[in-house]
Amino acid sequence: MNIDLRSYSILWTINGFLIVLMQPLMAIVVKKWVKTLKAQLLVGVTVFAAAFAVLTGAEVFTGFLIAMLILTVGELFVWPAVPTIANKMAPKGREGFYQGIVNSVATGGRMIGPLFGGIIADLYSMHMVFVTILCLFVFAFIAFALFDRSVEKEG
């Protein structure tokens, strides 16, 4: 997509810096406006999708920067909620095992995501990679919306 390594590296540096810097602010936002973990996931995946929607039209560094800023906000919503939910849903005494499963799945995604993304980019285009990711966000949104239905029925 014609973004040089230096610019790409700057994007990820900004991402890491903002994650550290914005944690206290996000804690306040979540506590005040996003009352449940489920809502936190749904807001986060929606923000993630918005970042990739912006990315589909990005042609210059500014577009990539805006997408990264939006993506970072999505990360701040989703990633703290996932291990918390795993911990809450785990049977007593099995919390560590469930945390391990969550981390293993996340690592697996970081392992196969670039492979499949690269295959799609080589066979089609980067635009198709982003469209595919947007479709996966729809799936994630539905999964997050439904994940606790069986828990609610039992409780």
N, C-alpha and C. Protein backbone atom coordinates (compact mmCIF):
# COMPACT_ATOMS: atom_id res chain seq x y z
N MET A 1 0.83 -1.20 0.00
CA MET A 1 0.00 0.00 0.00
C MET A 1 0.87 1.25 0.00
N ASN A 2 2.12 1.07 -0.36
CA ASN A 2 3.05 2.18 -0.51
C ASN A 2 3.30 2.97 0.77
N ILE A 3 3.38 2.26 1.87
CA ILE A 3 3.77 2.91 3.12
C ILE A 3 5.15 2.36 3.49
N ASP A 4 6.10 3.25 3.70
CA ASP A 4 7.46 2.80 3.95
C ASP A 4 7.60 2.27 5.38
N LEU A 5 8.67 1.51 5.60
CA LEU A 5 8.91 0.86 6.88
C LEU A 5 8.97 1.85 8.03
N ARG A 6 9.60 3.00 7.81
CA ARG A 6 9.71 4.02 8.86
C ARG A 6 8.31 4.50 9.29
N SER A 7 7.46 4.81 8.32
CA SER A 7 6.11 5.28 8.63
C SER A 7 5.29 4.19 9.31
N TYR A 8 5.44 2.97 8.83
CA TYR A 8 4.72 1.82 9.42
C TYR A 8 5.15 1.64 10.87
N SER A 9 6.45 1.77 11.12
CA SER A 9 6.98 1.65 12.48
C SER A 9 6.45 2.77 13.38
N ILE A 10 6.34 3.96 12.84
CA ILE A 10 5.79 5.09 13.61
C ILE A 10 4.36 4.80 14.02
N LEU A 11 3.58 4.21 13.13
CA LEU A 11 2.19 3.88 13.47
C LEU A 11 2.12 2.96 14.68
N TRP A 12 2.95 1.92 14.70
CA TRP A 12 2.92 0.97 15.81
C TRP A 12 3.51 1.58 17.08
N THR A 13 4.42 2.50 16.95
CA THR A 13 4.95 3.20 18.12
C THR A 13 3.86 4.07 18.74
N ILE A 14 3.11 4.76 17.90
CA ILE A 14 2.00 5.58 18.38
C ILE A 14 0.96 4.69 19.06
N ASN A 15 0.67 3.55 18.45
CA ASN A 15 -0.29 2.61 19.03
C ASN A 15 0.14 2.22 20.45
N GLY A 16 1.37 1.78 20.62
CA GLY A 16 1.85 1.37 21.93
C GLY A 16 1.85 2.50 22.94
N PHE A 17 2.30 3.67 22.50
CA PHE A 17 2.32 4.84 23.38
C PHE A 17 0.91 5.21 23.85
N LEU A 18 -0.04 5.21 22.92
CA LEU A 18 -1.41 5.58 23.28
C LEU A 18 -2.08 4.55 24.18
N ILE A 19 -1.76 3.27 23.98
CA ILE A 19 -2.32 2.25 24.86
C ILE A 19 -1.89 2.50 26.30
N VAL A 20 -0.63 2.79 26.51
CA VAL A 20 -0.14 3.07 27.86
C VAL A 20 -0.74 4.37 28.39
N LEU A 21 -0.72 5.41 27.57
CA LEU A 21 -1.18 6.73 27.99
C LEU A 21 -2.69 6.78 28.26
N MET A 22 -3.47 6.06 27.46
CA MET A 22 -4.93 6.19 27.53
C MET A 22 -5.61 5.21 28.49
N GLN A 23 -4.87 4.27 29.07
CA GLN A 23 -5.49 3.30 29.99
C GLN A 23 -6.28 3.99 31.11
N PRO A 24 -5.71 4.96 31.82
CA PRO A 24 -6.48 5.60 32.89
C PRO A 24 -7.75 6.30 32.38
N LEU A 25 -7.65 6.96 31.25
CA LEU A 25 -8.81 7.63 30.67
C LEU A 25 -9.89 6.62 30.27
N MET A 26 -9.48 5.51 29.67
CA MET A 26 -10.45 4.50 29.24
C MET A 26 -11.13 3.86 30.43
N ALA A 27 -10.41 3.71 31.54
CA ALA A 27 -11.03 3.16 32.74
C ALA A 27 -12.19 4.04 33.19
N ILE A 28 -12.02 5.34 33.09
CA ILE A 28 -13.09 6.28 33.46
C ILE A 28 -14.24 6.19 32.46
N VAL A 29 -13.92 6.16 31.17
CA VAL A 29 -14.95 6.07 30.12
C VAL A 29 -15.78 4.81 30.29
N VAL A 30 -15.10 3.69 30.49
CA VAL A 30 -15.79 2.41 30.63
C VAL A 30 -16.67 2.43 31.88
N LYS A 31 -16.14 2.92 32.98
CA LYS A 31 -16.89 2.94 34.24
C LYS A 31 -18.12 3.83 34.15
N LYS A 32 -17.99 4.96 33.44
CA LYS A 32 -19.08 5.93 33.39
C LYS A 32 -20.13 5.62 32.31
N TRP A 33 -19.68 5.15 31.12
CA TRP A 33 -20.61 5.02 30.00
C TRP A 33 -20.83 3.59 29.49
N VAL A 34 -19.90 2.72 29.71
CA VAL A 34 -20.02 1.36 29.20
C VAL A 34 -20.12 0.44 30.41
N LYS A 35 -21.34 0.13 30.80
CA LYS A 35 -21.59 -0.47 32.11
C LYS A 35 -21.29 -1.97 32.23
N THR A 36 -21.31 -2.71 31.11
CA THR A 36 -21.10 -4.15 31.19
C THR A 36 -19.93 -4.58 30.32
N LEU A 37 -19.40 -5.75 30.62
CA LEU A 37 -18.32 -6.29 29.79
C LEU A 37 -18.83 -6.58 28.38
N LYS A 38 -20.06 -7.04 28.29
CA LYS A 38 -20.64 -7.31 26.97
C LYS A 38 -20.71 -6.02 26.15
N ALA A 39 -21.16 -4.94 26.75
CA ALA A 39 -21.21 -3.65 26.06
C ALA A 39 -19.81 -3.19 25.68
N GLN A 40 -18.85 -3.45 26.55
CA GLN A 40 -17.46 -3.08 26.27
C GLN A 40 -16.96 -3.81 25.03
N LEU A 41 -17.27 -5.11 24.91
CA LEU A 41 -16.89 -5.87 23.73
C LEU A 41 -17.58 -5.35 22.47
N LEU A 42 -18.87 -5.09 22.58
CA LEU A 42 -19.63 -4.63 21.41
C LEU A 42 -19.16 -3.26 20.93
N VAL A 43 -18.90 -2.36 21.86
CA VAL A 43 -18.37 -1.05 21.49
C VAL A 43 -16.98 -1.22 20.86
N GLY A 44 -16.16 -2.04 21.48
CA GLY A 44 -14.80 -2.24 20.98
C GLY A 44 -14.76 -2.83 19.58
N VAL A 45 -15.56 -3.85 19.32
CA VAL A 45 -15.53 -4.46 17.98
C VAL A 45 -16.10 -3.49 16.95
N THR A 46 -17.03 -2.67 17.33
CA THR A 46 -17.57 -1.65 16.42
C THR A 46 -16.49 -0.62 16.09
N VAL A 47 -15.73 -0.21 17.10
CA VAL A 47 -14.64 0.74 16.88
C VAL A 47 -13.55 0.10 16.01
N PHE A 48 -13.22 -1.17 16.28
CA PHE A 48 -12.27 -1.90 15.42
C PHE A 48 -12.74 -1.87 13.97
N ALA A 49 -14.00 -2.18 13.75
CA ALA A 49 -14.54 -2.21 12.39
C ALA A 49 -14.44 -0.82 11.75
N ALA A 50 -14.71 0.21 12.52
CA ALA A 50 -14.59 1.57 11.99
C ALA A 50 -13.16 1.86 11.55
N ALA A 51 -12.19 1.38 12.31
CA ALA A 51 -10.78 1.58 11.94
C ALA A 51 -10.48 0.93 10.59
N PHE A 52 -10.97 -0.28 10.38
CA PHE A 52 -10.71 -0.95 9.12
C PHE A 52 -11.52 -0.36 7.98
N ALA A 53 -12.69 0.20 8.30
CA ALA A 53 -13.46 0.90 7.26
C ALA A 53 -12.67 2.13 6.78
N VAL A 54 -12.07 2.85 7.72
CA VAL A 54 -11.22 3.99 7.35
C VAL A 54 -10.03 3.50 6.55
N LEU A 55 -9.46 2.40 6.96
CA LEU A 55 -8.27 1.86 6.30
C LEU A 55 -8.54 1.46 4.84
N THR A 56 -9.76 1.02 4.54
CA THR A 56 -10.08 0.63 3.16
C THR A 56 -9.94 1.81 2.20
N GLY A 57 -10.11 3.02 2.70
CA GLY A 57 -9.99 4.20 1.85
C GLY A 57 -8.69 4.97 2.02
N ALA A 58 -7.81 4.48 2.90
CA ALA A 58 -6.56 5.20 3.17
C ALA A 58 -5.60 5.10 2.00
N GLU A 59 -5.09 6.25 1.58
CA GLU A 59 -4.12 6.29 0.48
C GLU A 59 -2.85 7.04 0.85
N VAL A 60 -2.94 7.82 1.93
CA VAL A 60 -1.77 8.57 2.40
C VAL A 60 -1.58 8.28 3.89
N PHE A 61 -0.42 8.69 4.40
CA PHE A 61 -0.07 8.40 5.79
C PHE A 61 -1.14 8.88 6.76
N THR A 62 -1.73 10.02 6.53
CA THR A 62 -2.75 10.57 7.43
C THR A 62 -3.92 9.60 7.59
N GLY A 63 -4.33 8.97 6.50
CA GLY A 63 -5.41 7.99 6.57
C GLY A 63 -5.02 6.79 7.43
N PHE A 64 -3.78 6.33 7.28
CA PHE A 64 -3.30 5.22 8.10
C PHE A 64 -3.21 5.62 9.57
N LEU A 65 -2.79 6.85 9.82
CA LEU A 65 -2.69 7.35 11.18
C LEU A 65 -4.06 7.41 11.84
N ILE A 66 -5.04 7.94 11.13
CA ILE A 66 -6.40 8.02 11.67
C ILE A 66 -6.93 6.62 11.96
N ALA A 67 -6.70 5.69 11.04
CA ALA A 67 -7.14 4.31 11.25
C ALA A 67 -6.47 3.71 12.48
N MET A 68 -5.18 3.99 12.67
CA MET A 68 -4.46 3.45 13.82
C MET A 68 -4.97 4.05 15.12
N LEU A 69 -5.29 5.33 15.12
CA LEU A 69 -5.84 5.96 16.33
C LEU A 69 -7.17 5.32 16.70
N ILE A 70 -8.02 5.10 15.71
CA ILE A 70 -9.32 4.46 15.95
C ILE A 70 -9.11 3.02 16.43
N LEU A 71 -8.21 2.29 15.78
CA LEU A 71 -7.91 0.91 16.16
C LEU A 71 -7.44 0.84 17.61
N THR A 72 -6.63 1.78 18.02
CA THR A 72 -6.11 1.80 19.39
C THR A 72 -7.25 1.95 20.39
N VAL A 73 -8.22 2.78 20.09
CA VAL A 73 -9.38 2.93 20.98
C VAL A 73 -10.14 1.61 21.05
N GLY A 74 -10.30 0.94 19.92
CA GLY A 74 -10.95 -0.38 19.93
C GLY A 74 -10.20 -1.37 20.81
N GLU A 75 -8.88 -1.37 20.70
CA GLU A 75 -8.07 -2.25 21.54
C GLU A 75 -8.29 -1.96 23.03
N LEU A 76 -8.38 -0.69 23.36
CA LEU A 76 -8.56 -0.30 24.76
C LEU A 76 -9.91 -0.76 25.32
N PHE A 77 -10.88 -0.94 24.46
CA PHE A 77 -12.17 -1.48 24.90
C PHE A 77 -12.13 -3.01 24.99
N VAL A 78 -11.64 -3.66 23.95
CA VAL A 78 -11.77 -5.12 23.83
C VAL A 78 -10.79 -5.88 24.70
N TRP A 79 -9.49 -5.60 24.57
CA TRP A 79 -8.50 -6.49 25.17
C TRP A 79 -8.54 -6.58 26.68
N PRO A 80 -8.90 -5.56 27.43
CA PRO A 80 -9.05 -5.77 28.88
C PRO A 80 -10.29 -6.61 29.23
N ALA A 81 -11.31 -6.58 28.38
CA ALA A 81 -12.55 -7.30 28.68
C ALA A 81 -12.42 -8.80 28.47
N VAL A 82 -11.66 -9.22 27.47
CA VAL A 82 -11.60 -10.64 27.11
C VAL A 82 -11.08 -11.50 28.26
N PRO A 83 -9.92 -11.22 28.85
CA PRO A 83 -9.48 -12.07 29.96
C PRO A 83 -10.38 -11.97 31.19
N THR A 84 -11.01 -10.81 31.38
CA THR A 84 -11.93 -10.65 32.50
C THR A 84 -13.14 -11.57 32.33
N ILE A 85 -13.66 -11.64 31.12
CA ILE A 85 -14.79 -12.51 30.85
C ILE A 85 -14.39 -13.97 31.01
N ALA A 86 -13.22 -14.34 30.50
CA ALA A 86 -12.74 -15.72 30.64
C ALA A 86 -12.64 -16.08 32.12
N ASN A 87 -12.13 -15.14 32.91
CA ASN A 87 -12.01 -15.38 34.34
C ASN A 87 -13.37 -15.56 35.00
N LYS A 88 -14.34 -14.73 34.62
CA LYS A 88 -15.68 -14.81 35.21
C LYS A 88 -16.43 -16.06 34.79
N MET A 89 -16.19 -16.53 33.57
CA MET A 89 -16.91 -17.70 33.07
C MET A 89 -16.25 -19.02 33.46
N ALA A 90 -15.02 -18.96 33.93
CA ALA A 90 -14.29 -20.17 34.28
C ALA A 90 -14.85 -20.80 35.56
N PRO A 91 -14.91 -22.13 35.59
CA PRO A 91 -15.30 -22.79 36.84
C PRO A 91 -14.25 -22.50 37.92
N LYS A 92 -14.69 -22.50 39.16
CA LYS A 92 -13.79 -22.20 40.27
C LYS A 92 -12.59 -23.16 40.23
N GLY A 93 -11.40 -22.58 40.36
CA GLY A 93 -10.18 -23.35 40.34
C GLY A 93 -9.61 -23.59 38.95
N ARG A 94 -10.35 -23.20 37.90
CA ARG A 94 -9.91 -23.41 36.52
C ARG A 94 -9.61 -22.09 35.81
N GLU A 95 -9.57 -21.00 36.55
CA GLU A 95 -9.35 -19.68 35.95
C GLU A 95 -8.05 -19.62 35.16
N GLY A 96 -6.99 -20.16 35.71
CA GLY A 96 -5.70 -20.15 35.02
C GLY A 96 -5.74 -20.90 33.71
N PHE A 97 -6.40 -22.03 33.70
CA PHE A 97 -6.54 -22.82 32.47
C PHE A 97 -7.28 -22.01 31.41
N TYR A 98 -8.37 -21.35 31.80
CA TYR A 98 -9.15 -20.56 30.85
C TYR A 98 -8.36 -19.35 30.35
N GLN A 99 -7.57 -18.74 31.23
CA GLN A 99 -6.70 -17.64 30.80
C GLN A 99 -5.68 -18.14 29.78
N GLY A 100 -5.17 -19.34 30.01
CA GLY A 100 -4.24 -19.94 29.06
C GLY A 100 -4.88 -20.18 27.70
N ILE A 101 -6.12 -20.63 27.70
CA ILE A 101 -6.84 -20.85 26.44
C ILE A 101 -7.00 -19.51 25.70
N VAL A 102 -7.41 -18.48 26.42
CA VAL A 102 -7.59 -17.16 25.81
C VAL A 102 -6.28 -16.68 25.19
N ASN A 103 -5.20 -16.81 25.93
CA ASN A 103 -3.90 -16.36 25.42
C ASN A 103 -3.43 -17.22 24.24
N SER A 104 -3.71 -18.51 24.29
CA SER A 104 -3.33 -19.39 23.18
C SER A 104 -4.09 -19.04 21.91
N VAL A 105 -5.37 -18.78 22.04
CA VAL A 105 -6.17 -18.40 20.87
C VAL A 105 -5.68 -17.08 20.30
N ALA A 106 -5.38 -16.12 21.16
CA ALA A 106 -4.86 -14.83 20.70
C ALA A 106 -3.53 -15.01 19.98
N THR A 107 -2.67 -15.84 20.53
CA THR A 107 -1.37 -16.10 19.89
C THR A 107 -1.58 -16.81 18.55
N GLY A 108 -2.50 -17.76 18.51
CA GLY A 108 -2.81 -18.45 17.25
C GLY A 108 -3.30 -17.48 16.19
N GLY A 109 -4.11 -16.51 16.59
CA GLY A 109 -4.59 -15.49 15.66
C GLY A 109 -3.46 -14.64 15.12
N ARG A 110 -2.53 -14.28 16.00
CA ARG A 110 -1.37 -13.49 15.55
C ARG A 110 -0.45 -14.32 14.66
N MET A 111 -0.53 -15.65 14.80
CA MET A 111 0.29 -16.52 13.98
C MET A 111 -0.32 -16.74 12.59
N ILE A 112 -1.61 -17.04 12.53
CA ILE A 112 -2.21 -17.38 11.23
C ILE A 112 -2.79 -16.17 10.50
N GLY A 113 -3.10 -15.10 11.25
CA GLY A 113 -3.67 -13.90 10.61
C GLY A 113 -2.81 -13.34 9.51
N PRO A 114 -1.53 -13.09 9.78
CA PRO A 114 -0.67 -12.56 8.70
C PRO A 114 -0.52 -13.54 7.53
N LEU A 115 -0.52 -14.83 7.82
CA LEU A 115 -0.42 -15.82 6.74
C LEU A 115 -1.63 -15.74 5.82
N PHE A 116 -2.82 -15.82 6.42
CA PHE A 116 -4.03 -15.76 5.60
C PHE A 116 -4.20 -14.39 4.96
N GLY A 117 -3.86 -13.33 5.71
CA GLY A 117 -3.93 -11.99 5.13
C GLY A 117 -3.00 -11.85 3.94
N GLY A 118 -1.79 -12.40 4.07
CA GLY A 118 -0.83 -12.36 2.95
C GLY A 118 -1.32 -13.14 1.74
N ILE A 119 -1.93 -14.29 2.00
CA ILE A 119 -2.47 -15.09 0.89
C ILE A 119 -3.57 -14.33 0.17
N ILE A 120 -4.48 -13.73 0.95
CA ILE A 120 -5.57 -12.96 0.35
C ILE A 120 -5.02 -11.76 -0.42
N ALA A 121 -4.04 -11.08 0.16
CA ALA A 121 -3.43 -9.91 -0.51
C ALA A 121 -2.76 -10.33 -1.81
N ASP A 122 -2.03 -11.46 -1.79
CA ASP A 122 -1.35 -11.93 -3.00
C ASP A 122 -2.34 -12.38 -4.08
N LEU A 123 -3.40 -13.06 -3.67
CA LEU A 123 -4.36 -13.56 -4.65
C LEU A 123 -5.32 -12.48 -5.14
N TYR A 124 -5.65 -11.53 -4.26
CA TYR A 124 -6.64 -10.51 -4.61
C TYR A 124 -6.05 -9.11 -4.47
N SER A 125 -6.16 -8.55 -3.26
CA SER A 125 -5.64 -7.19 -3.01
C SER A 125 -5.69 -6.90 -1.52
N MET A 126 -5.02 -5.83 -1.10
CA MET A 126 -5.11 -5.40 0.29
C MET A 126 -6.52 -4.96 0.62
N HIS A 127 -7.19 -4.37 -0.35
CA HIS A 127 -8.57 -3.97 -0.14
C HIS A 127 -9.42 -5.19 0.26
N MET A 128 -9.18 -6.32 -0.39
CA MET A 128 -9.92 -7.54 -0.07
C MET A 128 -9.57 -8.05 1.32
N VAL A 129 -8.33 -7.85 1.74
CA VAL A 129 -7.94 -8.22 3.11
C VAL A 129 -8.79 -7.43 4.10
N PHE A 130 -8.92 -6.13 3.86
CA PHE A 130 -9.69 -5.29 4.78
C PHE A 130 -11.17 -5.64 4.75
N VAL A 131 -11.71 -5.95 3.60
CA VAL A 131 -13.11 -6.36 3.49
C VAL A 131 -13.32 -7.66 4.25
N THR A 132 -12.38 -8.58 4.11
CA THR A 132 -12.47 -9.86 4.84
C THR A 132 -12.45 -9.62 6.34
N ILE A 133 -11.57 -8.74 6.79
CA ILE A 133 -11.48 -8.42 8.22
C ILE A 133 -12.79 -7.78 8.69
N LEU A 134 -13.35 -6.90 7.89
CA LEU A 134 -14.64 -6.29 8.25
C LEU A 134 -15.72 -7.35 8.41
N CYS A 135 -15.73 -8.33 7.53
CA CYS A 135 -16.69 -9.44 7.65
C CYS A 135 -16.45 -10.23 8.94
N LEU A 136 -15.20 -10.43 9.30
CA LEU A 136 -14.89 -11.12 10.56
C LEU A 136 -15.35 -10.31 11.77
N PHE A 137 -15.32 -8.99 11.65
CA PHE A 137 -15.83 -8.16 12.74
C PHE A 137 -17.33 -8.33 12.90
N VAL A 138 -18.05 -8.50 11.80
CA VAL A 138 -19.49 -8.77 11.89
C VAL A 138 -19.72 -10.08 12.65
N PHE A 139 -18.95 -11.10 12.29
CA PHE A 139 -19.04 -12.39 12.99
C PHE A 139 -18.72 -12.20 14.48
N ALA A 140 -17.65 -11.45 14.79
CA ALA A 140 -17.27 -11.21 16.19
C ALA A 140 -18.37 -10.47 16.94
N PHE A 141 -18.98 -9.48 16.29
CA PHE A 141 -20.05 -8.72 16.93
C PHE A 141 -21.21 -9.65 17.30
N ILE A 142 -21.59 -10.52 16.38
CA ILE A 142 -22.68 -11.47 16.65
C ILE A 142 -22.29 -12.42 17.77
N ALA A 143 -21.06 -12.93 17.73
CA ALA A 143 -20.60 -13.84 18.78
C ALA A 143 -20.59 -13.14 20.14
N PHE A 144 -20.11 -11.90 20.18
CA PHE A 144 -20.09 -11.16 21.44
C PHE A 144 -21.51 -10.86 21.93
N ALA A 145 -22.41 -10.60 21.00
CA ALA A 145 -23.80 -10.30 21.38
C ALA A 145 -24.49 -11.53 21.97
N LEU A 146 -24.06 -12.71 21.55
CA LEU A 146 -24.74 -13.94 21.97
C LEU A 146 -23.98 -14.75 23.02
N PHE A 147 -22.72 -14.38 23.33
CA PHE A 147 -21.86 -15.26 24.13
C PHE A 147 -22.43 -15.62 25.49
N ASP A 148 -23.20 -14.77 26.11
CA ASP A 148 -23.64 -15.02 27.47
C ASP A 148 -25.09 -15.49 27.57
N ARG A 149 -25.70 -15.80 26.46
CA ARG A 149 -27.11 -16.23 26.50
C ARG A 149 -27.31 -17.49 27.32
N SER A 150 -26.44 -18.49 27.15
CA SER A 150 -26.58 -19.72 27.92
C SER A 150 -26.28 -19.48 29.39
N VAL A 151 -25.39 -18.57 29.68
CA VAL A 151 -25.06 -18.25 31.07
C VAL A 151 -26.26 -17.59 31.74
N GLU A 152 -26.92 -16.67 31.01
CA GLU A 152 -28.11 -16.00 31.57
C GLU A 152 -29.23 -16.99 31.84
N LYS A 153 -29.44 -17.97 30.97
CA LYS A 153 -30.50 -18.94 31.14
C LYS A 153 -30.25 -19.83 32.35
N GLU A 154 -28.97 -20.18 32.59
CA GLU A 154 -28.64 -21.04 33.72
C GLU A 154 -28.72 -20.29 35.03
N GLY A 155 -28.38 -18.98 35.01
CA GLY A 155 -28.29 -18.20 36.26
C GLY A 155 -29.53 -17.66 36.71
